[in-house]
Amino acid sequence: MSDINFEQQCAISFCFRLGHSTTGTFANFSRPTGTVFCQGRRFFGGLRNFQKKGKLIEDEPRSGRPSSSRTNENVDIIQYLVRSDRRLTIRMIGLELNLIHTTAHQILTNELEMREICVKIAPKNLLQDQKNIRREKYLNFLESIENDPYLLECVIIY
């Protein structure tokens, strides 16, 4: 639970113990204090929930996925999957590990520092060293064509 949310719950509990109404509590929260709280409808909905649950100030257990799926185990598994089959999509990785595709994408980009490179835009995304290596290979190929004009006749095209 975040500290701000806990502070808000403590302040709401204090207002109810003093006997303030919901509008009085909202008025206390609306005063300019330098912090921003919920607005109108959302605030009153939260107050109703607070009244129904017996004014407890603690976090309740939730069902579903954990709040953070970015564990070291998931990072290692994703790295293994990508290294074994580079054609996997982010959605396929997410389905394989039962993760949301955005979490799989964040692990790939932030944790593993990988990026998606499409073949058509690869030269734009290559580093300068990689561009220099490609340039040298192309120059060597052109030089070999100039030295042997019949070199391209040996190439088989399907």
C-alpha atoms as a PDB file:
ATOM      1  CA  MET A   1       0.000   0.000   0.000  1.00  0.00           C
ATOM      2  CA  SER A   2       1.385   3.419  -0.845  1.00  0.00           C
ATOM      3  CA  ASP A   3       1.999   5.940   1.934  1.00  0.00           C
ATOM      4  CA  ILE A   4      -0.328   8.532   0.389  1.00  0.00           C
ATOM      5  CA  ASN A   5      -3.223   6.079   0.233  1.00  0.00           C
ATOM      6  CA  PHE A   6      -2.585   5.021   3.834  1.00  0.00           C
ATOM      7  CA  GLU A   7      -2.492   8.674   4.947  1.00  0.00           C
ATOM      8  CA  GLN A   8      -5.785   9.315   3.174  1.00  0.00           C
ATOM      9  CA  GLN A   9      -7.405   6.337   4.887  1.00  0.00           C
ATOM     10  CA  CYS A  10      -6.159   7.508   8.292  1.00  0.00           C
ATOM     11  CA  ALA A  11      -7.505  11.013   7.664  1.00  0.00           C
ATOM     12  CA  ILE A  12     -10.907   9.647   6.564  1.00  0.00           C
ATOM     13  CA  SER A  13     -11.060   7.419   9.647  1.00  0.00           C
ATOM     14  CA  PHE A  14     -10.223  10.397  11.848  1.00  0.00           C
ATOM     15  CA  CYS A  15     -12.975  12.510  10.224  1.00  0.00           C
ATOM     16  CA  PHE A  16     -15.571   9.757  10.789  1.00  0.00           C
ATOM     17  CA  ARG A  17     -14.536   9.360  14.424  1.00  0.00           C
ATOM     18  CA  LEU A  18     -15.025  13.099  14.874  1.00  0.00           C
ATOM     19  CA  GLY A  19     -18.532  12.708  13.443  1.00  0.00           C
ATOM     20  CA  HIS A  20     -18.030  14.619  10.197  1.00  0.00           C
ATOM     21  CA  SER A  21     -20.501  13.966   7.384  1.00  0.00           C
ATOM     22  CA  THR A  22     -19.336  12.797   3.962  1.00  0.00           C
ATOM     23  CA  THR A  23     -19.619  16.331   2.570  1.00  0.00           C
ATOM     24  CA  GLY A  24     -17.729  17.674   5.578  1.00  0.00           C
ATOM     25  CA  THR A  25     -14.983  15.116   5.029  1.00  0.00           C
ATOM     26  CA  PHE A  26     -14.822  16.038   1.344  1.00  0.00           C
ATOM     27  CA  ALA A  27     -14.624  19.724   2.307  1.00  0.00           C
ATOM     28  CA  ASN A  28     -11.660  18.956   4.585  1.00  0.00           C
ATOM     29  CA  PHE A  29      -9.924  17.107   1.760  1.00  0.00           C
ATOM     30  CA  SER A  30     -10.718  19.838  -0.773  1.00  0.00           C
ATOM     31  CA  ARG A  31      -8.875  22.555   1.131  1.00  0.00           C
ATOM     32  CA  PRO A  32      -5.631  23.601  -0.533  1.00  0.00           C
ATOM     33  CA  THR A  33      -2.986  21.631   1.352  1.00  0.00           C
ATOM     34  CA  GLY A  34      -0.463  21.158  -1.431  1.00  0.00           C
ATOM     35  CA  THR A  35      -1.500  17.549  -2.121  1.00  0.00           C
ATOM     36  CA  VAL A  36      -4.009  16.364  -4.709  1.00  0.00           C
ATOM     37  CA  PHE A  37      -6.790  13.986  -3.653  1.00  0.00           C
ATOM     38  CA  CYS A  38      -9.622  12.317  -5.582  1.00  0.00           C
ATOM     39  CA  GLN A  39     -12.346  14.428  -7.120  1.00  0.00           C
ATOM     40  CA  GLY A  40     -16.097  14.312  -6.461  1.00  0.00           C
ATOM     41  CA  ARG A  41     -17.796  11.074  -7.501  1.00  0.00           C
ATOM     42  CA  ARG A  42     -14.709   8.936  -6.996  1.00  0.00           C
ATOM     43  CA  PHE A  43     -14.145  10.364  -3.519  1.00  0.00           C
ATOM     44  CA  PHE A  44     -17.737   9.742  -2.390  1.00  0.00           C
ATOM     45  CA  GLY A  45     -17.631   6.193  -3.783  1.00  0.00           C
ATOM     46  CA  GLY A  46     -14.510   5.558  -1.743  1.00  0.00           C
ATOM     47  CA  LEU A  47     -16.197   6.982   1.359  1.00  0.00           C
ATOM     48  CA  ARG A  48     -19.182   4.657   0.886  1.00  0.00           C
ATOM     49  CA  ASN A  49     -16.870   1.662   0.621  1.00  0.00           C
ATOM     50  CA  PHE A  50     -15.020   2.856   3.703  1.00  0.00           C
ATOM     51  CA  GLN A  51     -18.274   3.103   5.692  1.00  0.00           C
ATOM     52  CA  LYS A  52     -19.457  -0.366   4.585  1.00  0.00           C
ATOM     53  CA  LYS A  53     -16.220  -2.140   5.477  1.00  0.00           C
ATOM     54  CA  GLY A  54     -16.203  -1.036   9.083  1.00  0.00           C
ATOM     55  CA  LYS A  55     -13.565   1.678   8.904  1.00  0.00           C
ATOM     56  CA  LEU A  56     -10.566  -0.671   8.821  1.00  0.00           C
ATOM     57  CA  ILE A  57      -7.267   0.878   7.813  1.00  0.00           C
ATOM     58  CA  GLU A  58      -5.407  -2.011   6.222  1.00  0.00           C
ATOM     59  CA  ASP A  59      -4.847  -3.515   2.840  1.00  0.00           C
ATOM     60  CA  GLU A  60      -7.127  -6.400   1.900  1.00  0.00           C
ATOM     61  CA  PRO A  61      -5.857  -9.504   0.081  1.00  0.00           C
ATOM     62  CA  ARG A  62      -6.631  -9.579  -3.630  1.00  0.00           C
ATOM     63  CA  SER A  63      -7.113 -12.433  -6.022  1.00  0.00           C
ATOM     64  CA  GLY A  64      -5.475 -12.669  -9.420  1.00  0.00           C
ATOM     65  CA  ARG A  65      -1.987 -12.118 -10.690  1.00  0.00           C
ATOM     66  CA  PRO A  66       0.682 -10.616  -8.472  1.00  0.00           C
ATOM     67  CA  SER A  67       1.217  -6.913  -8.924  1.00  0.00           C
ATOM     68  CA  SER A  68       4.689  -7.520 -10.311  1.00  0.00           C
ATOM     69  CA  SER A  69       5.320 -10.282 -12.828  1.00  0.00           C
ATOM     70  CA  ARG A  70       8.820  -9.045 -13.560  1.00  0.00           C
ATOM     71  CA  THR A  71      10.705 -11.611 -11.507  1.00  0.00           C
ATOM     72  CA  ASN A  72      14.227 -12.839 -12.163  1.00  0.00           C
ATOM     73  CA  GLU A  73      12.783 -16.231 -13.075  1.00  0.00           C
ATOM     74  CA  ASN A  74      10.551 -14.707 -15.779  1.00  0.00           C
ATOM     75  CA  VAL A  75      13.464 -12.653 -17.117  1.00  0.00           C
ATOM     76  CA  ASP A  76      15.625 -15.788 -17.395  1.00  0.00           C
ATOM     77  CA  ILE A  77      12.846 -17.785 -19.075  1.00  0.00           C
ATOM     78  CA  ILE A  78      12.119 -15.005 -21.584  1.00  0.00           C
ATOM     79  CA  GLN A  79      15.816 -14.687 -22.368  1.00  0.00           C
ATOM     80  CA  TYR A  80      16.031 -18.452 -22.969  1.00  0.00           C
ATOM     81  CA  LEU A  81      12.911 -18.427 -25.176  1.00  0.00           C
ATOM     82  CA  VAL A  82      14.165 -15.542 -27.310  1.00  0.00           C
ATOM     83  CA  ARG A  83      17.645 -17.050 -27.681  1.00  0.00           C
ATOM     84  CA  SER A  84      16.195 -20.432 -28.657  1.00  0.00           C
ATOM     85  CA  ASP A  85      13.677 -19.095 -31.196  1.00  0.00           C
ATOM     86  CA  ARG A  86      14.072 -15.502 -32.323  1.00  0.00           C
ATOM     87  CA  ARG A  87      10.860 -15.649 -34.367  1.00  0.00           C
ATOM     88  CA  LEU A  88       8.666 -15.651 -31.252  1.00  0.00           C
ATOM     89  CA  THR A  89       6.407 -12.650 -30.934  1.00  0.00           C
ATOM     90  CA  ILE A  90       5.835 -10.771 -27.705  1.00  0.00           C
ATOM     91  CA  ARG A  91       2.274 -12.086 -27.529  1.00  0.00           C
ATOM     92  CA  MET A  92       3.486 -15.676 -27.938  1.00  0.00           C
ATOM     93  CA  ILE A  93       5.989 -15.192 -25.113  1.00  0.00           C
ATOM     94  CA  GLY A  94       3.260 -13.685 -22.932  1.00  0.00           C
ATOM     95  CA  LEU A  95       0.925 -16.616 -23.606  1.00  0.00           C
ATOM     96  CA  GLU A  96       3.707 -19.111 -22.911  1.00  0.00           C
ATOM     97  CA  LEU A  97       4.435 -17.604 -19.480  1.00  0.00           C
ATOM     98  CA  ASN A  98       0.878 -16.457 -18.682  1.00  0.00           C
ATOM     99  CA  LEU A  99       1.971 -12.807 -18.694  1.00  0.00           C
ATOM    100  CA  ILE A 100       0.385  -9.720 -20.174  1.00  0.00           C
ATOM    101  CA  HIS A 101       2.100  -8.852 -23.463  1.00  0.00           C
ATOM    102  CA  THR A 102       3.056  -5.409 -22.111  1.00  0.00           C
ATOM    103  CA  THR A 103       4.937  -7.051 -19.232  1.00  0.00           C
ATOM    104  CA  ALA A 104       6.755  -9.333 -21.670  1.00  0.00           C
ATOM    105  CA  HIS A 105       7.597  -6.284 -23.812  1.00  0.00           C
ATOM    106  CA  GLN A 106       8.918  -4.373 -20.787  1.00  0.00           C
ATOM    107  CA  ILE A 107      11.110  -7.305 -19.772  1.00  0.00           C
ATOM    108  CA  LEU A 108      12.512  -7.561 -23.303  1.00  0.00           C
ATOM    109  CA  THR A 109      13.179  -3.843 -23.681  1.00  0.00           C
ATOM    110  CA  ASN A 110      14.123  -2.775 -20.149  1.00  0.00           C
ATOM    111  CA  GLU A 111      15.610  -5.855 -18.485  1.00  0.00           C
ATOM    112  CA  LEU A 112      17.185  -7.606 -21.487  1.00  0.00           C
ATOM    113  CA  GLU A 113      17.775  -4.376 -23.456  1.00  0.00           C
ATOM    114  CA  MET A 114      16.530  -5.873 -26.723  1.00  0.00           C
ATOM    115  CA  ARG A 115      14.708  -4.034 -29.454  1.00  0.00           C
ATOM    116  CA  GLU A 116      12.659  -5.043 -32.414  1.00  0.00           C
ATOM    117  CA  ILE A 117      14.360  -4.551 -35.754  1.00  0.00           C
ATOM    118  CA  CYS A 118      12.400  -4.992 -38.947  1.00  0.00           C
ATOM    119  CA  VAL A 119      14.382  -6.026 -42.022  1.00  0.00           C
ATOM    120  CA  LYS A 120      13.209  -3.046 -44.052  1.00  0.00           C
ATOM    121  CA  ILE A 121      14.291  -0.491 -41.472  1.00  0.00           C
ATOM    122  CA  ALA A 122      17.377  -2.301 -40.162  1.00  0.00           C
ATOM    123  CA  PRO A 123      19.982   0.107 -41.622  1.00  0.00           C
ATOM    124  CA  LYS A 124      18.266   2.980 -39.829  1.00  0.00           C
ATOM    125  CA  ASN A 125      18.473   1.173 -36.485  1.00  0.00           C
ATOM    126  CA  LEU A 126      21.980  -0.255 -36.833  1.00  0.00           C
ATOM    127  CA  LEU A 127      24.858   1.126 -34.817  1.00  0.00           C
ATOM    128  CA  GLN A 128      27.640   2.953 -36.622  1.00  0.00           C
ATOM    129  CA  ASP A 129      30.032  -0.008 -36.231  1.00  0.00           C
ATOM    130  CA  GLN A 130      27.470  -2.343 -37.791  1.00  0.00           C
ATOM    131  CA  LYS A 131      26.962   0.086 -40.679  1.00  0.00           C
ATOM    132  CA  ASN A 132      30.729   0.254 -41.232  1.00  0.00           C
ATOM    133  CA  ILE A 133      30.982  -3.555 -41.346  1.00  0.00           C
ATOM    134  CA  ARG A 134      28.178  -3.730 -43.930  1.00  0.00           C
ATOM    135  CA  ARG A 135      29.834  -0.994 -45.987  1.00  0.00           C
ATOM    136  CA  GLU A 136      33.167  -2.865 -45.996  1.00  0.00           C
ATOM    137  CA  LYS A 137      31.477  -6.087 -47.116  1.00  0.00           C
ATOM    138  CA  TYR A 138      29.663  -4.306 -49.940  1.00  0.00           C
ATOM    139  CA  LEU A 139      32.872  -2.584 -51.078  1.00  0.00           C
ATOM    140  CA  ASN A 140      34.716  -5.925 -51.052  1.00  0.00           C
ATOM    141  CA  PHE A 141      31.910  -7.467 -53.091  1.00  0.00           C
ATOM    142  CA  LEU A 142      31.995  -4.609 -55.626  1.00  0.00           C
ATOM    143  CA  GLU A 143      35.761  -4.899 -55.877  1.00  0.00           C
ATOM    144  CA  SER A 144      35.527  -8.643 -56.536  1.00  0.00           C
ATOM    145  CA  ILE A 145      32.916  -7.977 -59.268  1.00  0.00           C
ATOM    146  CA  GLU A 146      35.228  -5.427 -60.901  1.00  0.00           C
ATOM    147  CA  ASN A 147      38.137  -7.889 -60.812  1.00  0.00           C
ATOM    148  CA  ASP A 148      36.075 -10.801 -62.146  1.00  0.00           C
ATOM    149  CA  PRO A 149      33.281  -9.617 -64.483  1.00  0.00           C
ATOM    150  CA  TYR A 150      31.946 -13.191 -64.846  1.00  0.00           C
ATOM    151  CA  LEU A 151      31.378 -13.610 -61.099  1.00  0.00           C
ATOM    152  CA  LEU A 152      27.669 -12.799 -61.269  1.00  0.00           C
ATOM    153  CA  GLU A 153      27.155 -15.407 -63.983  1.00  0.00           C
ATOM    154  CA  CYS A 154      28.004 -18.084 -61.395  1.00  0.00           C
ATOM    155  CA  VAL A 155      25.177 -16.962 -59.104  1.00  0.00           C
ATOM    156  CA  ILE A 156      22.093 -19.179 -59.247  1.00  0.00           C
ATOM    157  CA  ILE A 157      18.775 -17.382 -58.809  1.00  0.00           C
ATOM    158  CA  TYR A 158      15.570 -19.327 -58.215  1.00  0.00           C
END
